[in-house]
Amino acid sequence: MKLPSCFRVLVITLSDRAYRGDYEDISGSRIKEMISGFMANEKWNSEIRLEIMPDEADVLREKFATAASDYDLIFTTGGTGIGPRDITVETVRPFLTREIPGVMEYIRVKYGSNNPNALLSRGVAGLAGDSLVFTLPGSVKAVEEYMTEILRVLKHTLFMLCDIDAHGHGQ
């Protein structure tokens, strides 16, 4: 398997208020901006789709049912806390065929040491079929923190998924 000629990326913002138009979605736009910069820096082509949906498990479940086969990377923002409308983790987790817990654990510990509230994020990372999935909190500050760490390992992660030996051994 080799890297795709064009990475298909889906960014989903889960926010009742942004969906209704009460305010502009900044977190999803920030993910899109950061992943776009990463792809450009690697000289990789990408098509990035941004969607806003309400905090509704059925709506997210329906999207994930097809997204896992349609996208190489899926990022969500919002719904990872412990509030009554925070449904992202429970909705996405059943689609994950393999979890990658170290990424989110590291981020929670790193940023939680300065901001204990960061420890309340329940975000997950993993594979849903061939799609790499990351569920991020909804705040722009948290998105920037999470994306900074995710982007540090993303190239190696994608190489591993494509069975590319990035260490110069073998292939």
N, C-alpha and C. Protein backbone atom coordinates (compact mmCIF):
# COMPACT_ATOMS: atom_id res chain seq x y z
N MET A 1 0.84 -1.19 0.00
CA MET A 1 0.00 0.00 0.00
C MET A 1 0.89 1.24 0.00
N LYS A 2 0.49 2.27 -0.73
CA LYS A 2 1.27 3.50 -0.76
C LYS A 2 0.40 4.67 -0.33
N LEU A 3 1.05 5.80 -0.09
CA LEU A 3 0.31 6.99 0.31
C LEU A 3 -0.65 7.38 -0.81
N PRO A 4 -1.83 7.86 -0.43
CA PRO A 4 -2.76 8.30 -1.47
C PRO A 4 -2.21 9.50 -2.24
N SER A 5 -2.60 9.62 -3.49
CA SER A 5 -2.15 10.78 -4.27
C SER A 5 -2.81 12.07 -3.77
N CYS A 6 -3.95 11.91 -3.12
CA CYS A 6 -4.65 13.05 -2.53
C CYS A 6 -5.36 12.57 -1.26
N PHE A 7 -4.96 13.12 -0.13
CA PHE A 7 -5.59 12.74 1.13
C PHE A 7 -6.98 13.35 1.23
N ARG A 8 -7.95 12.52 1.53
CA ARG A 8 -9.32 12.98 1.73
C ARG A 8 -9.51 13.16 3.24
N VAL A 9 -9.81 14.39 3.64
CA VAL A 9 -9.89 14.73 5.06
C VAL A 9 -11.28 15.29 5.36
N LEU A 10 -11.87 14.79 6.44
CA LEU A 10 -13.16 15.30 6.90
C LEU A 10 -12.98 15.89 8.28
N VAL A 11 -13.45 17.12 8.45
CA VAL A 11 -13.44 17.79 9.75
C VAL A 11 -14.90 18.03 10.13
N ILE A 12 -15.30 17.46 11.27
CA ILE A 12 -16.68 17.59 11.74
C ILE A 12 -16.70 18.40 13.02
N THR A 13 -17.45 19.48 13.01
CA THR A 13 -17.67 20.26 14.22
C THR A 13 -19.02 19.86 14.78
N LEU A 14 -19.02 19.43 16.04
CA LEU A 14 -20.26 19.10 16.73
C LEU A 14 -20.59 20.23 17.69
N SER A 15 -21.61 20.99 17.35
CA SER A 15 -22.00 22.12 18.17
C SER A 15 -23.43 22.52 17.81
N ASP A 16 -24.32 22.41 18.77
CA ASP A 16 -25.70 22.83 18.53
C ASP A 16 -25.75 24.30 18.12
N ARG A 17 -24.98 25.13 18.83
CA ARG A 17 -25.03 26.58 18.57
C ARG A 17 -24.43 26.95 17.22
N ALA A 18 -23.31 26.36 16.86
CA ALA A 18 -22.72 26.66 15.55
C ALA A 18 -23.62 26.13 14.43
N TYR A 19 -24.25 24.98 14.66
CA TYR A 19 -25.15 24.40 13.67
C TYR A 19 -26.36 25.32 13.43
N ARG A 20 -26.87 25.90 14.50
CA ARG A 20 -28.01 26.83 14.38
C ARG A 20 -27.59 28.18 13.81
N GLY A 21 -26.29 28.46 13.78
CA GLY A 21 -25.81 29.74 13.29
C GLY A 21 -25.70 30.80 14.36
N ASP A 22 -25.78 30.39 15.65
CA ASP A 22 -25.65 31.34 16.76
C ASP A 22 -24.25 31.95 16.81
N TYR A 23 -23.25 31.18 16.39
CA TYR A 23 -21.89 31.70 16.28
C TYR A 23 -21.13 30.94 15.21
N GLU A 24 -20.02 31.54 14.80
CA GLU A 24 -19.20 30.97 13.74
C GLU A 24 -18.37 29.81 14.29
N ASP A 25 -18.22 28.77 13.50
CA ASP A 25 -17.36 27.64 13.86
C ASP A 25 -15.91 28.03 13.66
N ILE A 26 -15.19 28.20 14.75
CA ILE A 26 -13.78 28.56 14.67
C ILE A 26 -12.90 27.32 14.85
N SER A 27 -13.33 26.39 15.70
CA SER A 27 -12.51 25.21 15.99
C SER A 27 -12.32 24.32 14.76
N GLY A 28 -13.40 24.02 14.07
CA GLY A 28 -13.29 23.21 12.86
C GLY A 28 -12.46 23.89 11.79
N SER A 29 -12.65 25.19 11.65
CA SER A 29 -11.85 25.96 10.69
C SER A 29 -10.37 25.94 11.05
N ARG A 30 -10.08 25.96 12.34
CA ARG A 30 -8.68 25.92 12.78
C ARG A 30 -8.04 24.57 12.49
N ILE A 31 -8.79 23.48 12.69
CA ILE A 31 -8.28 22.15 12.33
C ILE A 31 -7.98 22.13 10.84
N LYS A 32 -8.93 22.61 10.04
CA LYS A 32 -8.75 22.63 8.59
C LYS A 32 -7.50 23.42 8.20
N GLU A 33 -7.32 24.56 8.82
CA GLU A 33 -6.16 25.40 8.53
C GLU A 33 -4.86 24.68 8.90
N MET A 34 -4.83 24.04 10.07
CA MET A 34 -3.61 23.37 10.52
C MET A 34 -3.29 22.13 9.69
N ILE A 35 -4.30 21.34 9.35
CA ILE A 35 -4.04 20.15 8.54
C ILE A 35 -3.66 20.54 7.12
N SER A 36 -4.25 21.61 6.62
CA SER A 36 -3.90 22.12 5.29
C SER A 36 -2.44 22.56 5.25
N GLY A 37 -2.01 23.26 6.30
CA GLY A 37 -0.61 23.68 6.38
C GLY A 37 0.34 22.50 6.45
N PHE A 38 -0.04 21.49 7.22
CA PHE A 38 0.77 20.27 7.32
C PHE A 38 0.90 19.60 5.96
N MET A 39 -0.21 19.43 5.28
CA MET A 39 -0.20 18.77 3.97
C MET A 39 0.65 19.56 2.97
N ALA A 40 0.51 20.88 2.98
CA ALA A 40 1.31 21.71 2.08
C ALA A 40 2.79 21.59 2.40
N ASN A 41 3.13 21.57 3.68
CA ASN A 41 4.52 21.45 4.10
C ASN A 41 5.13 20.12 3.63
N GLU A 42 4.31 19.06 3.65
CA GLU A 42 4.78 17.74 3.19
C GLU A 42 4.70 17.59 1.67
N LYS A 43 4.13 18.62 1.02
CA LYS A 43 3.90 18.59 -0.43
C LYS A 43 2.97 17.45 -0.83
N TRP A 44 1.97 17.23 0.02
CA TRP A 44 0.93 16.23 -0.23
C TRP A 44 -0.34 16.95 -0.63
N ASN A 45 -1.05 16.40 -1.58
CA ASN A 45 -2.34 16.95 -1.99
C ASN A 45 -3.41 16.51 -1.00
N SER A 46 -4.36 17.39 -0.78
CA SER A 46 -5.46 17.04 0.11
C SER A 46 -6.74 17.75 -0.30
N GLU A 47 -7.84 17.10 -0.02
CA GLU A 47 -9.17 17.70 -0.15
C GLU A 47 -9.76 17.66 1.24
N ILE A 48 -10.05 18.83 1.78
CA ILE A 48 -10.53 18.91 3.16
C ILE A 48 -11.97 19.42 3.17
N ARG A 49 -12.83 18.61 3.74
CA ARG A 49 -14.25 18.96 3.84
C ARG A 49 -14.57 19.30 5.28
N LEU A 50 -15.26 20.40 5.48
CA LEU A 50 -15.65 20.85 6.81
C LEU A 50 -17.17 20.76 6.93
N GLU A 51 -17.65 20.06 7.96
CA GLU A 51 -19.09 19.94 8.19
C GLU A 51 -19.41 20.34 9.62
N ILE A 52 -20.55 20.97 9.78
CA ILE A 52 -21.04 21.34 11.11
C ILE A 52 -22.34 20.58 11.35
N MET A 53 -22.43 19.94 12.49
CA MET A 53 -23.64 19.21 12.81
C MET A 53 -23.99 19.40 14.28
N PRO A 54 -25.25 19.16 14.62
CA PRO A 54 -25.66 19.30 16.02
C PRO A 54 -25.08 18.17 16.87
N ASP A 55 -25.11 18.35 18.17
CA ASP A 55 -24.65 17.33 19.11
C ASP A 55 -25.71 16.23 19.20
N GLU A 56 -25.87 15.50 18.14
CA GLU A 56 -26.87 14.43 18.05
C GLU A 56 -26.18 13.14 17.64
N ALA A 57 -26.26 12.14 18.49
CA ALA A 57 -25.59 10.86 18.23
C ALA A 57 -26.05 10.23 16.91
N ASP A 58 -27.34 10.27 16.63
CA ASP A 58 -27.85 9.65 15.40
C ASP A 58 -27.27 10.30 14.15
N VAL A 59 -27.14 11.62 14.17
CA VAL A 59 -26.59 12.34 13.02
C VAL A 59 -25.12 11.98 12.83
N LEU A 60 -24.36 11.97 13.92
CA LEU A 60 -22.93 11.63 13.83
C LEU A 60 -22.76 10.16 13.44
N ARG A 61 -23.55 9.28 13.98
CA ARG A 61 -23.47 7.85 13.66
C ARG A 61 -23.72 7.64 12.17
N GLU A 62 -24.73 8.32 11.63
CA GLU A 62 -25.04 8.20 10.21
C GLU A 62 -23.87 8.68 9.35
N LYS A 63 -23.25 9.77 9.75
CA LYS A 63 -22.10 10.30 9.01
C LYS A 63 -20.94 9.31 9.04
N PHE A 64 -20.65 8.76 10.22
CA PHE A 64 -19.53 7.84 10.36
C PHE A 64 -19.75 6.54 9.61
N ALA A 65 -20.98 6.14 9.43
CA ALA A 65 -21.27 4.88 8.74
C ALA A 65 -20.69 4.86 7.32
N THR A 66 -20.63 6.02 6.68
CA THR A 66 -20.05 6.10 5.34
C THR A 66 -18.69 6.78 5.32
N ALA A 67 -18.44 7.67 6.27
CA ALA A 67 -17.20 8.46 6.25
C ALA A 67 -15.96 7.59 6.38
N ALA A 68 -16.04 6.52 7.15
CA ALA A 68 -14.86 5.67 7.36
C ALA A 68 -14.35 5.07 6.05
N SER A 69 -15.21 4.89 5.09
CA SER A 69 -14.74 4.36 3.80
C SER A 69 -14.48 5.48 2.78
N ASP A 70 -14.94 6.68 3.08
CA ASP A 70 -14.80 7.79 2.14
C ASP A 70 -13.61 8.71 2.41
N TYR A 71 -13.03 8.65 3.62
CA TYR A 71 -11.98 9.60 4.02
C TYR A 71 -10.77 8.87 4.59
N ASP A 72 -9.60 9.48 4.38
CA ASP A 72 -8.36 8.95 4.94
C ASP A 72 -8.17 9.42 6.37
N LEU A 73 -8.59 10.65 6.64
CA LEU A 73 -8.46 11.24 7.97
C LEU A 73 -9.78 11.88 8.37
N ILE A 74 -10.19 11.63 9.61
CA ILE A 74 -11.41 12.25 10.13
C ILE A 74 -11.07 12.89 11.47
N PHE A 75 -11.35 14.18 11.57
CA PHE A 75 -11.18 14.91 12.83
C PHE A 75 -12.56 15.39 13.27
N THR A 76 -12.84 15.25 14.55
CA THR A 76 -14.04 15.88 15.09
C THR A 76 -13.59 16.90 16.12
N THR A 77 -14.40 17.91 16.32
CA THR A 77 -14.15 18.88 17.38
C THR A 77 -15.48 19.13 18.10
N GLY A 78 -15.41 19.04 19.41
CA GLY A 78 -16.59 19.21 20.24
C GLY A 78 -17.14 17.88 20.73
N GLY A 79 -17.80 17.95 21.89
CA GLY A 79 -18.50 16.78 22.40
C GLY A 79 -17.64 15.75 23.11
N THR A 80 -16.43 16.14 23.56
CA THR A 80 -15.55 15.18 24.23
C THR A 80 -15.52 15.36 25.75
N GLY A 81 -16.30 16.29 26.25
CA GLY A 81 -16.32 16.55 27.69
C GLY A 81 -17.27 15.61 28.41
N ILE A 82 -17.76 16.07 29.55
CA ILE A 82 -18.64 15.22 30.36
C ILE A 82 -20.05 15.80 30.50
N GLY A 83 -20.36 16.79 29.69
CA GLY A 83 -21.69 17.40 29.73
C GLY A 83 -22.74 16.47 29.13
N PRO A 84 -24.01 16.76 29.40
CA PRO A 84 -25.09 15.89 28.91
C PRO A 84 -25.19 15.81 27.39
N ARG A 85 -24.70 16.82 26.66
CA ARG A 85 -24.76 16.81 25.19
C ARG A 85 -23.44 16.35 24.57
N ASP A 86 -22.47 15.97 25.37
CA ASP A 86 -21.16 15.52 24.87
C ASP A 86 -21.25 14.04 24.50
N ILE A 87 -21.54 13.78 23.22
CA ILE A 87 -21.84 12.43 22.74
C ILE A 87 -20.80 11.89 21.76
N THR A 88 -19.78 12.67 21.46
CA THR A 88 -18.85 12.30 20.40
C THR A 88 -18.13 10.98 20.68
N VAL A 89 -17.54 10.85 21.85
CA VAL A 89 -16.72 9.68 22.15
C VAL A 89 -17.54 8.40 22.09
N GLU A 90 -18.70 8.38 22.73
CA GLU A 90 -19.54 7.18 22.74
C GLU A 90 -20.05 6.84 21.34
N THR A 91 -20.24 7.84 20.52
CA THR A 91 -20.76 7.62 19.17
C THR A 91 -19.66 7.13 18.22
N VAL A 92 -18.47 7.68 18.36
CA VAL A 92 -17.37 7.34 17.45
C VAL A 92 -16.69 6.02 17.84
N ARG A 93 -16.52 5.79 19.13
CA ARG A 93 -15.75 4.62 19.59
C ARG A 93 -16.19 3.29 18.96
N PRO A 94 -17.48 2.99 18.82
CA PRO A 94 -17.85 1.71 18.20
C PRO A 94 -17.37 1.54 16.76
N PHE A 95 -17.07 2.64 16.07
CA PHE A 95 -16.57 2.56 14.70
C PHE A 95 -15.07 2.25 14.66
N LEU A 96 -14.38 2.45 15.78
CA LEU A 96 -12.93 2.24 15.81
C LEU A 96 -12.62 0.75 15.84
N THR A 97 -11.84 0.32 14.86
CA THR A 97 -11.41 -1.07 14.81
C THR A 97 -10.11 -1.26 15.60
N ARG A 98 -9.36 -0.18 15.76
CA ARG A 98 -8.14 -0.19 16.55
C ARG A 98 -7.97 1.19 17.18
N GLU A 99 -7.85 1.22 18.50
CA GLU A 99 -7.62 2.49 19.18
C GLU A 99 -6.12 2.78 19.26
N ILE A 100 -5.79 4.06 19.31
CA ILE A 100 -4.41 4.52 19.48
C ILE A 100 -4.42 5.41 20.73
N PRO A 101 -4.44 4.82 21.91
CA PRO A 101 -4.65 5.60 23.13
C PRO A 101 -3.51 6.53 23.52
N GLY A 102 -2.28 6.21 23.14
CA GLY A 102 -1.13 6.99 23.58
C GLY A 102 -1.18 8.45 23.19
N VAL A 103 -1.70 8.75 22.01
CA VAL A 103 -1.74 10.13 21.52
C VAL A 103 -2.58 11.00 22.46
N MET A 104 -3.79 10.59 22.72
CA MET A 104 -4.69 11.40 23.54
C MET A 104 -4.27 11.39 25.02
N GLU A 105 -3.75 10.25 25.48
CA GLU A 105 -3.28 10.19 26.87
C GLU A 105 -2.14 11.19 27.08
N TYR A 106 -1.20 11.22 26.14
CA TYR A 106 -0.08 12.15 26.23
C TYR A 106 -0.56 13.60 26.25
N ILE A 107 -1.48 13.93 25.36
CA ILE A 107 -1.99 15.31 25.28
C ILE A 107 -2.68 15.70 26.58
N ARG A 108 -3.50 14.80 27.11
CA ARG A 108 -4.20 15.11 28.37
C ARG A 108 -3.20 15.35 29.50
N VAL A 109 -2.19 14.51 29.60
CA VAL A 109 -1.20 14.65 30.67
C VAL A 109 -0.37 15.93 30.47
N LYS A 110 0.09 16.15 29.24
CA LYS A 110 0.93 17.33 28.97
C LYS A 110 0.19 18.63 29.30
N TYR A 111 -1.00 18.79 28.77
CA TYR A 111 -1.72 20.05 28.98
C TYR A 111 -2.47 20.06 30.30
N GLY A 112 -2.80 18.90 30.82
CA GLY A 112 -3.47 18.81 32.12
C GLY A 112 -2.58 19.18 33.28
N SER A 113 -1.25 19.11 33.08
CA SER A 113 -0.35 19.48 34.17
C SER A 113 -0.41 20.98 34.46
N ASN A 114 -0.74 21.78 33.45
CA ASN A 114 -0.89 23.23 33.64
C ASN A 114 -2.35 23.65 33.78
N ASN A 115 -3.24 22.88 33.18
CA ASN A 115 -4.66 23.20 33.20
C ASN A 115 -5.43 21.92 33.54
N PRO A 116 -5.69 21.68 34.83
CA PRO A 116 -6.35 20.43 35.23
C PRO A 116 -7.68 20.18 34.52
N ASN A 117 -8.35 21.21 34.03
CA ASN A 117 -9.60 21.00 33.29
C ASN A 117 -9.38 20.18 32.02
N ALA A 118 -8.17 20.23 31.46
CA ALA A 118 -7.86 19.47 30.25
C ALA A 118 -7.97 17.97 30.50
N LEU A 119 -7.85 17.57 31.74
CA LEU A 119 -7.95 16.15 32.07
C LEU A 119 -9.37 15.61 31.93
N LEU A 120 -10.34 16.50 31.79
CA LEU A 120 -11.73 16.08 31.63
C LEU A 120 -12.09 15.73 30.19
N SER A 121 -11.20 16.00 29.26
CA SER A 121 -11.46 15.63 27.87
C SER A 121 -11.35 14.12 27.73
N ARG A 122 -12.30 13.53 27.01
CA ARG A 122 -12.32 12.09 26.84
C ARG A 122 -12.00 11.69 25.41
N GLY A 123 -11.38 12.57 24.65
CA GLY A 123 -11.11 12.32 23.24
C GLY A 123 -10.38 11.00 23.00
N VAL A 124 -10.66 10.41 21.83
CA VAL A 124 -10.03 9.16 21.44
C VAL A 124 -9.39 9.32 20.06
N ALA A 125 -8.47 8.41 19.77
CA ALA A 125 -7.83 8.34 18.46
C ALA A 125 -7.81 6.88 18.05
N GLY A 126 -7.88 6.63 16.76
CA GLY A 126 -7.81 5.25 16.31
C GLY A 126 -8.11 5.12 14.83
N LEU A 127 -8.31 3.88 14.43
CA LEU A 127 -8.64 3.57 13.06
C LEU A 127 -10.08 3.10 12.97
N ALA A 128 -10.79 3.64 12.02
CA ALA A 128 -12.13 3.17 11.67
C ALA A 128 -11.98 2.64 10.25
N GLY A 129 -11.79 1.32 10.13
CA GLY A 129 -11.43 0.76 8.83
C GLY A 129 -10.06 1.28 8.45
N ASP A 130 -9.95 1.95 7.30
CA ASP A 130 -8.68 2.54 6.87
C ASP A 130 -8.56 4.01 7.21
N SER A 131 -9.58 4.57 7.86
CA SER A 131 -9.56 6.00 8.22
C SER A 131 -8.90 6.21 9.57
N LEU A 132 -8.06 7.21 9.64
CA LEU A 132 -7.44 7.62 10.90
C LEU A 132 -8.35 8.67 11.52
N VAL A 133 -8.74 8.45 12.78
CA VAL A 133 -9.74 9.28 13.44
C VAL A 133 -9.18 9.91 14.71
N PHE A 134 -9.47 11.20 14.90
CA PHE A 134 -9.11 11.92 16.11
C PHE A 134 -10.32 12.73 16.56
N THR A 135 -10.71 12.58 17.84
CA THR A 135 -11.81 13.38 18.38
C THR A 135 -11.22 14.42 19.33
N LEU A 136 -11.39 15.68 19.00
CA LEU A 136 -10.80 16.78 19.76
C LEU A 136 -11.87 17.56 20.51
N PRO A 137 -11.45 18.25 21.57
CA PRO A 137 -12.39 19.14 22.28
C PRO A 137 -12.85 20.27 21.35
N GLY A 138 -13.79 21.06 21.84
CA GLY A 138 -14.38 22.10 21.02
C GLY A 138 -13.74 23.47 21.10
N SER A 139 -12.90 23.71 22.10
CA SER A 139 -12.31 25.06 22.21
C SER A 139 -11.16 25.22 21.22
N VAL A 140 -10.99 26.43 20.72
CA VAL A 140 -9.91 26.71 19.77
C VAL A 140 -8.55 26.47 20.42
N LYS A 141 -8.40 26.88 21.67
CA LYS A 141 -7.12 26.67 22.36
C LYS A 141 -6.80 25.17 22.44
N ALA A 142 -7.79 24.36 22.83
CA ALA A 142 -7.56 22.92 22.91
C ALA A 142 -7.27 22.33 21.53
N VAL A 143 -7.98 22.77 20.51
CA VAL A 143 -7.74 22.30 19.15
C VAL A 143 -6.29 22.57 18.77
N GLU A 144 -5.80 23.76 19.05
CA GLU A 144 -4.42 24.09 18.69
C GLU A 144 -3.42 23.22 19.46
N GLU A 145 -3.70 22.97 20.73
CA GLU A 145 -2.82 22.10 21.52
C GLU A 145 -2.84 20.68 20.98
N TYR A 146 -4.02 20.15 20.77
CA TYR A 146 -4.15 18.77 20.27
C TYR A 146 -3.52 18.63 18.89
N MET A 147 -3.84 19.54 17.98
CA MET A 147 -3.32 19.44 16.62
C MET A 147 -1.81 19.56 16.58
N THR A 148 -1.23 20.40 17.44
CA THR A 148 0.22 20.52 17.49
C THR A 148 0.85 19.16 17.77
N GLU A 149 0.31 18.44 18.73
CA GLU A 149 0.86 17.13 19.09
C GLU A 149 0.53 16.07 18.04
N ILE A 150 -0.68 16.08 17.52
CA ILE A 150 -1.07 15.12 16.50
C ILE A 150 -0.20 15.27 15.25
N LEU A 151 0.03 16.52 14.84
CA LEU A 151 0.82 16.76 13.63
C LEU A 151 2.29 16.34 13.81
N ARG A 152 2.75 16.29 15.05
CA ARG A 152 4.13 15.83 15.30
C ARG A 152 4.30 14.35 14.94
N VAL A 153 3.23 13.57 15.05
CA VAL A 153 3.32 12.14 14.78
C VAL A 153 2.56 11.71 13.53
N LEU A 154 1.89 12.63 12.87
CA LEU A 154 1.00 12.25 11.77
C LEU A 154 1.74 11.63 10.59
N LYS A 155 2.86 12.19 10.19
CA LYS A 155 3.58 11.65 9.04
C LYS A 155 3.99 10.20 9.31
N HIS A 156 4.57 9.96 10.47
CA HIS A 156 4.99 8.59 10.82
C HIS A 156 3.78 7.66 10.91
N THR A 157 2.69 8.16 11.47
CA THR A 157 1.47 7.36 11.57
C THR A 157 0.98 6.95 10.18
N LEU A 158 0.95 7.90 9.26
CA LEU A 158 0.49 7.60 7.90
C LEU A 158 1.44 6.64 7.21
N PHE A 159 2.73 6.80 7.42
CA PHE A 159 3.69 5.86 6.85
C PHE A 159 3.44 4.45 7.40
N MET A 160 3.21 4.34 8.70
CA MET A 160 2.95 3.03 9.30
C MET A 160 1.69 2.40 8.70
N LEU A 161 0.65 3.20 8.54
CA LEU A 161 -0.60 2.69 7.97
C LEU A 161 -0.41 2.18 6.55
N CYS A 162 0.48 2.82 5.82
CA CYS A 162 0.74 2.43 4.43
C CYS A 162 1.88 1.42 4.33
N ASP A 163 2.35 0.93 5.47
CA ASP A 163 3.43 -0.05 5.53
C ASP A 163 4.69 0.45 4.83
N ILE A 164 4.96 1.74 5.04
CA ILE A 164 6.18 2.35 4.49
C ILE A 164 7.21 2.38 5.60
N ASP A 165 8.37 1.84 5.33
CA ASP A 165 9.43 1.81 6.33
C ASP A 165 10.14 3.16 6.33
N ALA A 166 9.78 4.00 7.27
CA ALA A 166 10.34 5.35 7.35
C ALA A 166 11.70 5.37 8.02
N HIS A 167 12.16 4.21 8.49
CA HIS A 167 13.43 4.15 9.19
C HIS A 167 14.58 3.73 8.26
N GLY A 168 14.26 3.47 6.99
CA GLY A 168 15.29 3.12 6.03
C GLY A 168 15.66 1.64 6.05
N HIS A 169 14.91 0.82 6.75
CA HIS A 169 15.16 -0.62 6.79
C HIS A 169 14.12 -1.30 5.91
N GLY A 170 14.49 -2.22 5.15
CA GLY A 170 13.50 -3.01 4.41
C GLY A 170 13.16 -2.42 3.07
N GLN A 171 12.02 -1.77 2.94
CA GLN A 171 11.50 -1.35 1.63
C GLN A 171 12.35 -0.30 0.97
